[in-house]
């Protein structure tokens, strides 16, 4: 599974990072970014939860 963040829609709330901190991080602009090319098998459920929890829908499966 791969995920991507739409920087135009991200508001930097950090929900994704609090749910899946091994997949998401905050970049220098204070917005979410994906820190792995492929979501590790053990983190897929958390990544999917982060996609569903994003208040602006900025995260999607790629």
N, C-alpha and C. Protein backbone atom coordinates (compact mmCIF):
# COMPACT_ATOMS: atom_id res chain seq x y z
N UNK A 1 0.85 -1.18 0.00
CA UNK A 1 0.00 0.00 0.00
C UNK A 1 0.89 1.24 0.00
N UNK A 2 0.47 2.23 -0.78
CA UNK A 2 1.15 3.52 -0.81
C UNK A 2 0.12 4.59 -0.48
N UNK A 3 0.58 5.66 0.13
CA UNK A 3 -0.29 6.79 0.44
C UNK A 3 0.40 8.07 -0.02
N UNK A 4 -0.43 9.09 -0.25
CA UNK A 4 0.13 10.39 -0.61
C UNK A 4 -0.68 11.48 0.07
N UNK A 5 -0.04 12.63 0.26
CA UNK A 5 -0.67 13.77 0.91
C UNK A 5 -0.80 14.89 -0.11
N UNK A 6 -2.02 15.42 -0.23
CA UNK A 6 -2.27 16.58 -1.07
C UNK A 6 -1.92 17.82 -0.23
N UNK A 7 -0.79 18.43 -0.52
CA UNK A 7 -0.32 19.58 0.26
C UNK A 7 -1.27 20.77 0.18
N UNK A 8 -2.02 20.87 -0.91
CA UNK A 8 -2.98 21.98 -1.07
C UNK A 8 -4.13 21.85 -0.07
N UNK A 9 -4.48 20.60 0.29
CA UNK A 9 -5.61 20.37 1.19
C UNK A 9 -5.19 20.19 2.65
N UNK A 10 -3.93 19.86 2.88
CA UNK A 10 -3.46 19.60 4.25
C UNK A 10 -3.46 20.89 5.08
N UNK A 11 -3.96 20.78 6.32
CA UNK A 11 -3.96 21.93 7.22
C UNK A 11 -2.96 21.74 8.36
N UNK A 12 -2.22 20.64 8.36
CA UNK A 12 -1.19 20.41 9.35
C UNK A 12 -1.71 20.10 10.74
N UNK A 13 -2.86 19.46 10.84
CA UNK A 13 -3.45 19.18 12.16
C UNK A 13 -2.70 18.10 12.92
N UNK A 14 -1.98 17.23 12.20
CA UNK A 14 -1.18 16.19 12.85
C UNK A 14 -1.93 14.92 13.19
N UNK A 15 -3.20 14.81 12.82
CA UNK A 15 -3.97 13.60 13.14
C UNK A 15 -3.32 12.36 12.54
N UNK A 16 -2.87 12.45 11.30
CA UNK A 16 -2.26 11.30 10.64
C UNK A 16 -1.01 10.84 11.37
N UNK A 17 -0.20 11.81 11.79
CA UNK A 17 1.03 11.49 12.48
C UNK A 17 0.76 10.85 13.84
N UNK A 18 -0.29 11.31 14.52
CA UNK A 18 -0.60 10.72 15.82
C UNK A 18 -1.16 9.30 15.67
N UNK A 19 -1.73 8.98 14.52
CA UNK A 19 -2.27 7.64 14.27
C UNK A 19 -1.20 6.70 13.72
N UNK A 20 -0.40 7.19 12.79
CA UNK A 20 0.60 6.35 12.11
C UNK A 20 1.92 7.10 11.99
N UNK A 21 2.61 7.25 13.12
CA UNK A 21 3.85 8.05 13.12
C UNK A 21 5.01 7.38 12.39
N UNK A 22 4.89 6.10 12.07
CA UNK A 22 5.93 5.46 11.28
C UNK A 22 5.71 5.67 9.79
N UNK A 23 4.57 6.26 9.42
CA UNK A 23 4.25 6.51 8.01
C UNK A 23 4.28 8.01 7.70
N UNK A 24 3.80 8.83 8.63
CA UNK A 24 3.67 10.27 8.38
C UNK A 24 4.56 11.08 9.31
N UNK A 25 4.98 12.26 8.80
CA UNK A 25 5.74 13.21 9.59
C UNK A 25 5.35 14.61 9.14
N UNK A 26 5.71 15.60 9.92
CA UNK A 26 5.46 16.98 9.54
C UNK A 26 6.69 17.51 8.82
N UNK A 27 6.48 18.18 7.71
CA UNK A 27 7.62 18.72 6.96
C UNK A 27 7.97 20.12 7.47
N UNK A 28 8.92 20.77 6.82
CA UNK A 28 9.38 22.09 7.27
C UNK A 28 8.30 23.17 7.17
N UNK A 29 7.28 22.92 6.36
CA UNK A 29 6.18 23.87 6.21
C UNK A 29 5.06 23.63 7.22
N UNK A 30 5.24 22.62 8.10
CA UNK A 30 4.21 22.30 9.07
C UNK A 30 3.06 21.49 8.50
N UNK A 31 3.30 20.88 7.35
CA UNK A 31 2.28 20.05 6.71
C UNK A 31 2.72 18.59 6.75
N UNK A 32 1.76 17.71 6.63
CA UNK A 32 2.05 16.29 6.66
C UNK A 32 2.79 15.85 5.41
N UNK A 33 3.67 14.89 5.58
CA UNK A 33 4.32 14.26 4.44
C UNK A 33 4.49 12.78 4.75
N UNK A 34 4.61 12.01 3.70
CA UNK A 34 4.78 10.56 3.84
C UNK A 34 6.27 10.29 3.92
N UNK A 35 6.69 9.50 4.92
CA UNK A 35 8.12 9.26 5.08
C UNK A 35 8.57 7.88 4.63
N UNK A 36 7.67 7.12 4.01
CA UNK A 36 8.03 5.80 3.49
C UNK A 36 7.50 5.66 2.06
N UNK A 37 8.24 4.94 1.22
CA UNK A 37 7.79 4.72 -0.15
C UNK A 37 6.61 3.74 -0.17
N UNK A 38 6.67 2.77 0.69
CA UNK A 38 5.63 1.74 0.80
C UNK A 38 5.28 1.60 2.28
N UNK A 39 3.99 1.59 2.61
CA UNK A 39 3.57 1.43 4.00
C UNK A 39 3.96 0.04 4.47
N UNK A 40 4.70 -0.06 5.59
CA UNK A 40 5.08 -1.38 6.11
C UNK A 40 3.84 -2.23 6.41
N UNK A 41 3.96 -3.51 6.19
CA UNK A 41 2.83 -4.42 6.36
C UNK A 41 2.16 -4.28 7.72
N UNK A 42 2.93 -4.07 8.76
CA UNK A 42 2.38 -3.94 10.11
C UNK A 42 1.71 -2.60 10.38
N UNK A 43 1.79 -1.68 9.45
CA UNK A 43 1.22 -0.34 9.64
C UNK A 43 0.07 -0.03 8.70
N UNK A 44 -0.36 -0.98 7.91
CA UNK A 44 -1.41 -0.75 6.93
C UNK A 44 -2.71 -0.31 7.59
N UNK A 45 -3.12 -0.98 8.67
CA UNK A 45 -4.37 -0.61 9.35
C UNK A 45 -4.31 0.83 9.87
N UNK A 46 -3.18 1.21 10.46
CA UNK A 46 -3.04 2.58 10.97
C UNK A 46 -3.04 3.59 9.82
N UNK A 47 -2.40 3.25 8.71
CA UNK A 47 -2.38 4.15 7.56
C UNK A 47 -3.79 4.35 7.01
N UNK A 48 -4.56 3.27 6.93
CA UNK A 48 -5.94 3.38 6.46
C UNK A 48 -6.78 4.21 7.42
N UNK A 49 -6.53 4.06 8.72
CA UNK A 49 -7.24 4.88 9.71
C UNK A 49 -6.88 6.35 9.54
N UNK A 50 -5.62 6.63 9.25
CA UNK A 50 -5.19 8.01 9.03
C UNK A 50 -5.87 8.61 7.80
N UNK A 51 -5.99 7.82 6.74
CA UNK A 51 -6.68 8.28 5.53
C UNK A 51 -8.12 8.66 5.88
N UNK A 52 -8.80 7.80 6.63
CA UNK A 52 -10.19 8.04 7.00
C UNK A 52 -10.34 9.18 8.00
N UNK A 53 -9.32 9.42 8.82
CA UNK A 53 -9.41 10.42 9.88
C UNK A 53 -9.02 11.83 9.45
N UNK A 54 -8.42 11.97 8.31
CA UNK A 54 -7.98 13.30 7.86
C UNK A 54 -9.19 14.21 7.70
N UNK A 55 -9.23 15.32 8.44
CA UNK A 55 -10.41 16.19 8.40
C UNK A 55 -10.65 16.88 7.06
N UNK A 56 -9.61 17.00 6.25
CA UNK A 56 -9.77 17.66 4.94
C UNK A 56 -9.70 16.70 3.77
N UNK A 57 -9.51 15.41 4.06
CA UNK A 57 -9.39 14.43 2.97
C UNK A 57 -8.12 14.58 2.17
N UNK A 58 -7.08 15.12 2.80
CA UNK A 58 -5.82 15.38 2.09
C UNK A 58 -4.99 14.12 1.86
N UNK A 59 -5.29 13.05 2.56
CA UNK A 59 -4.51 11.82 2.42
C UNK A 59 -5.32 10.81 1.63
N UNK A 60 -4.66 10.16 0.69
CA UNK A 60 -5.34 9.13 -0.08
C UNK A 60 -4.38 8.00 -0.41
N UNK A 61 -4.95 6.85 -0.70
CA UNK A 61 -4.13 5.74 -1.16
C UNK A 61 -3.65 6.05 -2.56
N UNK A 62 -2.39 5.77 -2.79
CA UNK A 62 -1.82 6.08 -4.12
C UNK A 62 -1.76 4.83 -4.99
